[in-house]
Amino acid sequence: MRKVRRAKRSAAKPVRGEQLALGLPKPTGKHGGKREGAGRPRSSRSGEAPHRARPMHRKRHPVHVVLRAVKDVPRLRTDRMFKAIRAALRTIGGRIGFRVVHASIQRTHLHFLVEAEDKQVLTRGVRALAIAMARRINAACGRRGKVFARYHATVITSRRQARNTLAYVLNNWRHHREDEDSLRARFAALDPYATGYAFDGWKEPIEPPEDFVPLPAVSPETWLLRAGWRNHPPISVREVPKDSIRP
């Protein structure tokens, strides 16, 4: 019989270990493939800034910390919230290496002027303070869950910035017009929800009201908060802070 020669295959024999391409259609953008808006969003929790590595911290620089409450937390400027935050400050405010020099309670957020030995102590101190306050706030208003979003920290590096930050934190109620909220507030010299009575740099003489238990505060150890800021004009109890703090 006559032998019939088989035609050679056009495709080469695959090499062992080589990944073979599948003849799949190109993605149209509806089912798979790269498309606009795909993937995890930059911030998965609303109201929070995207996470960035915090810079190194030097102990001679105080820090302005802002803690903002999540939306379902009740108003913070109430007597029960004040007592809860005051109790947390007594526990955390003077721990080793971390000091809360001044504090201010607003409706939806808190301001703190803190000092810390280094970056690690600063991070742990703010975290411990937030946890202590969250537990007491939840107990005070009968809720559970998260209380604060990620905190915002601004390092103070100049005398002018220190002076303006002191005025901003202690007089922040005038910035938000809380001093017009009631008749009692209009006649008050200082914010009862801040540590202004522990501050010795007011332009006017100040005396705390009788039977008033203020928020706890510790004496500053950084030169900027002790003496450096005094190279600029004194702070009046009637000063209304601006939106931005000049460095």
Protein backbone atom coordinates (compact mmCIF):
# COMPACT_ATOMS: atom_id res chain seq x y z
CA MET A 1 0.00 0.00 0.00
CA ARG A 2 1.03 3.51 -0.65
CA LYS A 3 2.03 5.44 2.47
CA VAL A 4 0.28 8.75 3.01
CA ARG A 5 2.48 11.40 4.53
CA ARG A 6 0.85 13.39 7.30
CA ALA A 7 1.01 17.16 7.05
CA LYS A 8 3.17 18.83 9.68
CA ARG A 9 1.38 20.80 12.29
CA SER A 10 1.70 24.55 11.85
CA ALA A 11 1.67 25.26 15.54
CA ALA A 12 4.80 24.51 17.52
CA LYS A 13 4.66 22.04 20.37
CA PRO A 14 4.24 23.85 23.66
CA VAL A 15 7.19 23.87 25.99
CA ARG A 16 6.65 22.36 29.43
CA GLY A 17 6.01 25.08 32.01
CA GLU A 18 4.94 27.66 29.42
CA GLN A 19 1.59 29.36 30.10
CA LEU A 20 -0.76 29.07 27.15
CA ALA A 21 -2.84 32.00 26.00
CA LEU A 22 -6.57 31.47 25.97
CA GLY A 23 -8.56 32.73 23.05
CA LEU A 24 -10.89 34.89 25.12
CA PRO A 25 -12.59 38.01 23.78
CA LYS A 26 -11.21 41.37 24.83
CA PRO A 27 -12.98 42.96 27.82
CA THR A 28 -15.62 45.48 26.87
CA GLY A 29 -15.53 47.33 30.19
CA LYS A 30 -18.82 45.85 31.44
CA HIS A 31 -17.55 42.51 32.72
CA GLY A 32 -14.00 42.66 34.03
CA GLY A 33 -10.91 44.39 32.76
CA LYS A 34 -9.55 47.83 33.60
CA ARG A 35 -12.24 50.45 33.82
CA GLU A 36 -12.77 53.84 35.33
CA GLY A 37 -13.83 53.80 38.99
CA ALA A 38 -12.86 50.16 39.55
CA GLY A 39 -11.04 49.01 42.65
CA ARG A 40 -11.09 50.00 46.33
CA PRO A 41 -11.84 53.66 46.97
CA ARG A 42 -9.11 55.83 48.48
CA SER A 43 -11.10 56.37 51.65
CA SER A 44 -13.52 53.59 52.54
CA ARG A 45 -15.01 55.46 55.50
CA SER A 46 -16.83 58.70 54.85
CA GLY A 47 -15.62 61.77 56.68
CA GLU A 48 -12.04 60.55 57.08
CA ALA A 49 -8.96 61.75 55.30
CA PRO A 50 -6.82 59.15 53.49
CA HIS A 51 -4.12 57.69 55.69
CA ARG A 52 -0.66 59.16 55.36
CA ALA A 53 2.49 58.43 57.33
CA ARG A 54 2.89 61.04 60.05
CA PRO A 55 6.17 62.98 60.12
CA MET A 56 8.80 62.61 62.84
CA HIS A 57 8.05 64.45 66.06
CA ARG A 58 10.48 66.46 68.21
CA LYS A 59 9.72 66.95 71.88
CA ARG A 60 10.29 70.71 71.75
CA HIS A 61 7.34 71.13 69.38
CA PRO A 62 3.80 71.07 70.82
CA VAL A 63 1.03 69.60 68.69
CA HIS A 64 -2.51 70.79 67.95
CA VAL A 65 -4.75 67.71 67.79
CA VAL A 66 -8.32 67.70 66.48
CA LEU A 67 -10.62 64.73 67.13
CA ARG A 68 -13.88 64.78 65.19
CA ALA A 69 -16.84 62.66 66.29
CA VAL A 70 -18.72 60.46 63.84
CA LYS A 71 -22.16 61.59 62.70
CA ASP A 72 -24.36 59.59 65.07
CA VAL A 73 -22.62 60.78 68.26
CA PRO A 74 -24.79 63.29 70.17
CA ARG A 75 -23.71 66.87 70.76
CA LEU A 76 -20.53 67.04 72.83
CA ARG A 77 -21.19 70.41 74.51
CA THR A 78 -23.49 69.05 77.22
CA ASP A 79 -22.95 68.49 80.94
CA ARG A 80 -22.93 64.69 80.68
CA MET A 81 -20.42 64.73 77.82
CA PHE A 82 -18.33 67.29 79.69
CA LYS A 83 -18.12 64.99 82.73
CA ALA A 84 -17.21 62.01 80.55
CA ILE A 85 -14.41 63.87 78.77
CA ARG A 86 -13.17 65.39 82.03
CA ALA A 87 -12.90 61.92 83.58
CA ALA A 88 -10.91 60.66 80.57
CA LEU A 89 -8.53 63.64 80.75
CA ARG A 90 -7.88 62.94 84.42
CA THR A 91 -6.87 59.41 83.49
CA ILE A 92 -4.74 60.11 80.42
CA GLY A 93 -3.84 63.81 80.43
CA GLY A 94 -0.69 63.58 82.54
CA ARG A 95 0.69 60.15 81.66
CA ILE A 96 4.45 59.73 81.37
CA GLY A 97 5.82 61.47 78.28
CA PHE A 98 2.41 62.69 77.08
CA ARG A 99 0.76 65.86 78.38
CA VAL A 100 -2.55 67.52 77.53
CA VAL A 101 -1.81 71.19 78.14
CA HIS A 102 -5.15 72.59 76.95
CA ALA A 103 -8.46 71.26 75.66
CA SER A 104 -11.65 72.60 74.11
CA ILE A 105 -14.99 70.84 73.55
CA GLN A 106 -17.11 71.88 70.58
CA ARG A 107 -20.39 70.43 69.28
CA THR A 108 -18.89 67.86 66.92
CA HIS A 109 -15.16 67.88 67.64
CA LEU A 110 -12.47 68.36 70.28
CA HIS A 111 -9.29 70.47 70.27
CA PHE A 112 -6.18 69.58 72.25
CA LEU A 113 -2.78 71.15 72.73
CA VAL A 114 -0.44 68.31 73.65
CA GLU A 115 3.24 67.67 74.25
CA ALA A 116 5.02 64.36 73.74
CA GLU A 117 8.51 62.96 74.08
CA ASP A 118 8.58 61.44 70.60
CA LYS A 119 6.40 60.27 67.72
CA GLN A 120 5.58 56.91 69.28
CA VAL A 121 4.52 58.47 72.59
CA LEU A 122 2.41 61.03 70.73
CA THR A 123 0.58 58.36 68.72
CA ARG A 124 -0.01 56.13 71.73
CA GLY A 125 -1.08 59.04 73.91
CA VAL A 126 -3.66 60.37 71.45
CA ARG A 127 -4.95 56.85 70.84
CA ALA A 128 -5.26 56.15 74.58
CA LEU A 129 -7.04 59.47 75.12
CA ALA A 130 -9.48 58.78 72.27
CA ILE A 131 -10.26 55.30 73.62
CA ALA A 132 -10.76 56.57 77.18
CA MET A 133 -13.12 59.31 76.00
CA ALA A 134 -15.00 56.99 73.62
CA ARG A 135 -15.77 54.49 76.36
CA ARG A 136 -17.09 57.18 78.69
CA ILE A 137 -19.03 58.98 75.96
CA ASN A 138 -20.73 55.75 74.89
CA ALA A 139 -21.61 54.97 78.50
CA ALA A 140 -22.96 58.50 79.01
CA CYS A 141 -25.30 58.43 76.00
CA GLY A 142 -26.14 54.70 75.96
CA ARG A 143 -24.64 53.81 72.62
CA ARG A 144 -22.05 51.42 71.23
CA GLY A 145 -19.53 51.59 68.43
CA LYS A 146 -17.01 54.01 67.07
CA VAL A 147 -16.95 57.56 68.44
CA PHE A 148 -14.08 59.34 66.69
CA ALA A 149 -12.70 59.36 63.16
CA ARG A 150 -8.96 59.48 62.49
CA TYR A 151 -7.38 62.44 64.29
CA HIS A 152 -5.70 65.42 62.65
CA ALA A 153 -2.42 66.73 64.10
CA THR A 154 -0.55 69.99 63.37
CA VAL A 155 2.97 70.47 64.70
CA ILE A 156 3.68 73.94 66.16
CA THR A 157 7.14 75.18 65.25
CA SER A 158 7.11 78.98 65.70
CA ARG A 159 6.25 81.55 68.37
CA ARG A 160 3.54 83.19 66.27
CA GLN A 161 1.95 79.83 65.50
CA ALA A 162 2.01 78.93 69.21
CA ARG A 163 0.29 82.20 70.15
CA ASN A 164 -2.38 81.85 67.46
CA THR A 165 -3.02 78.19 68.27
CA LEU A 166 -3.51 79.00 71.96
CA ALA A 167 -6.07 81.64 71.01
CA TYR A 168 -7.72 79.28 68.53
CA VAL A 169 -8.11 76.41 71.01
CA LEU A 170 -9.17 78.43 74.06
CA ASN A 171 -11.47 80.85 72.20
CA ASN A 172 -12.80 78.36 69.68
CA TRP A 173 -16.32 78.75 71.05
CA ARG A 174 -16.33 82.33 69.73
CA HIS A 175 -15.20 81.04 66.34
CA HIS A 176 -18.30 78.80 66.26
CA ARG A 177 -20.51 81.46 67.94
CA GLU A 178 -21.21 79.26 70.92
CA ASP A 179 -20.79 82.39 73.06
CA GLU A 180 -24.17 83.53 71.63
CA ASP A 181 -25.96 80.26 72.33
CA SER A 182 -27.54 81.37 75.61
CA LEU A 183 -27.83 84.35 77.93
CA ARG A 184 -25.43 82.68 80.34
CA ALA A 185 -22.86 82.23 77.59
CA ARG A 186 -23.10 85.88 76.52
CA PHE A 187 -22.07 87.05 79.97
CA ALA A 188 -19.35 84.43 80.43
CA ALA A 189 -15.77 85.61 80.06
CA LEU A 190 -14.37 82.21 79.09
CA ASP A 191 -15.68 79.01 77.56
CA PRO A 192 -16.79 76.67 80.38
CA TYR A 193 -16.08 73.74 78.04
CA ALA A 194 -12.38 74.61 77.70
CA THR A 195 -9.31 74.92 79.91
CA GLY A 196 -9.13 78.71 79.71
CA TYR A 197 -9.16 79.16 83.49
CA ALA A 198 -5.86 77.26 83.68
CA PHE A 199 -4.22 79.69 81.22
CA ASP A 200 -2.16 82.54 82.73
CA GLY A 201 -1.66 84.58 79.56
CA TRP A 202 -4.98 86.43 79.25
CA LYS A 203 -4.90 90.14 78.62
CA GLU A 204 -7.70 90.69 81.12
CA PRO A 205 -7.80 89.50 84.76
CA ILE A 206 -9.86 86.33 85.08
CA GLU A 207 -11.45 84.62 88.07
CA PRO A 208 -13.19 81.25 87.81
CA PRO A 209 -16.83 81.07 88.92
CA GLU A 210 -17.70 79.53 92.29
CA ASP A 211 -18.23 75.77 92.49
CA PHE A 212 -16.91 75.30 88.96
CA VAL A 213 -14.86 72.17 88.25
CA PRO A 214 -12.97 72.82 84.97
CA LEU A 215 -11.35 70.44 82.57
CA PRO A 216 -7.97 69.27 83.90
CA ALA A 217 -4.84 70.70 82.33
CA VAL A 218 -1.10 70.36 83.00
CA SER A 219 1.59 73.02 82.90
CA PRO A 220 3.47 73.19 79.58
CA GLU A 221 7.07 72.10 79.38
CA THR A 222 7.87 73.20 75.83
CA TRP A 223 9.44 76.66 75.51
CA LEU A 224 6.96 77.69 72.82
CA LEU A 225 3.96 77.26 75.13
CA ARG A 226 5.70 78.50 78.27
CA ALA A 227 7.39 81.66 77.05
CA GLY A 228 7.96 81.75 73.30
CA TRP A 229 4.42 82.80 72.35
CA ARG A 230 4.66 85.82 74.74
CA ASN A 231 6.86 87.65 72.23
CA HIS A 232 3.61 88.41 70.43
CA PRO A 233 0.57 90.39 71.69
CA PRO A 234 -1.34 88.92 74.65
CA ILE A 235 -4.59 87.05 74.05
CA SER A 236 -7.87 88.74 74.89
CA VAL A 237 -10.83 86.77 76.17
CA ARG A 238 -12.89 88.51 73.47
CA GLU A 239 -10.61 87.57 70.58
CA VAL A 240 -12.39 85.67 67.82
CA PRO A 241 -10.02 83.17 66.13
CA LYS A 242 -9.75 83.15 62.37
CA ASP A 243 -10.33 80.16 60.09
CA SER A 244 -6.61 79.57 59.59
CA ILE A 245 -3.68 79.65 62.01
CA ARG A 246 -0.63 81.50 60.72
CA PRO A 247 2.69 79.69 61.21
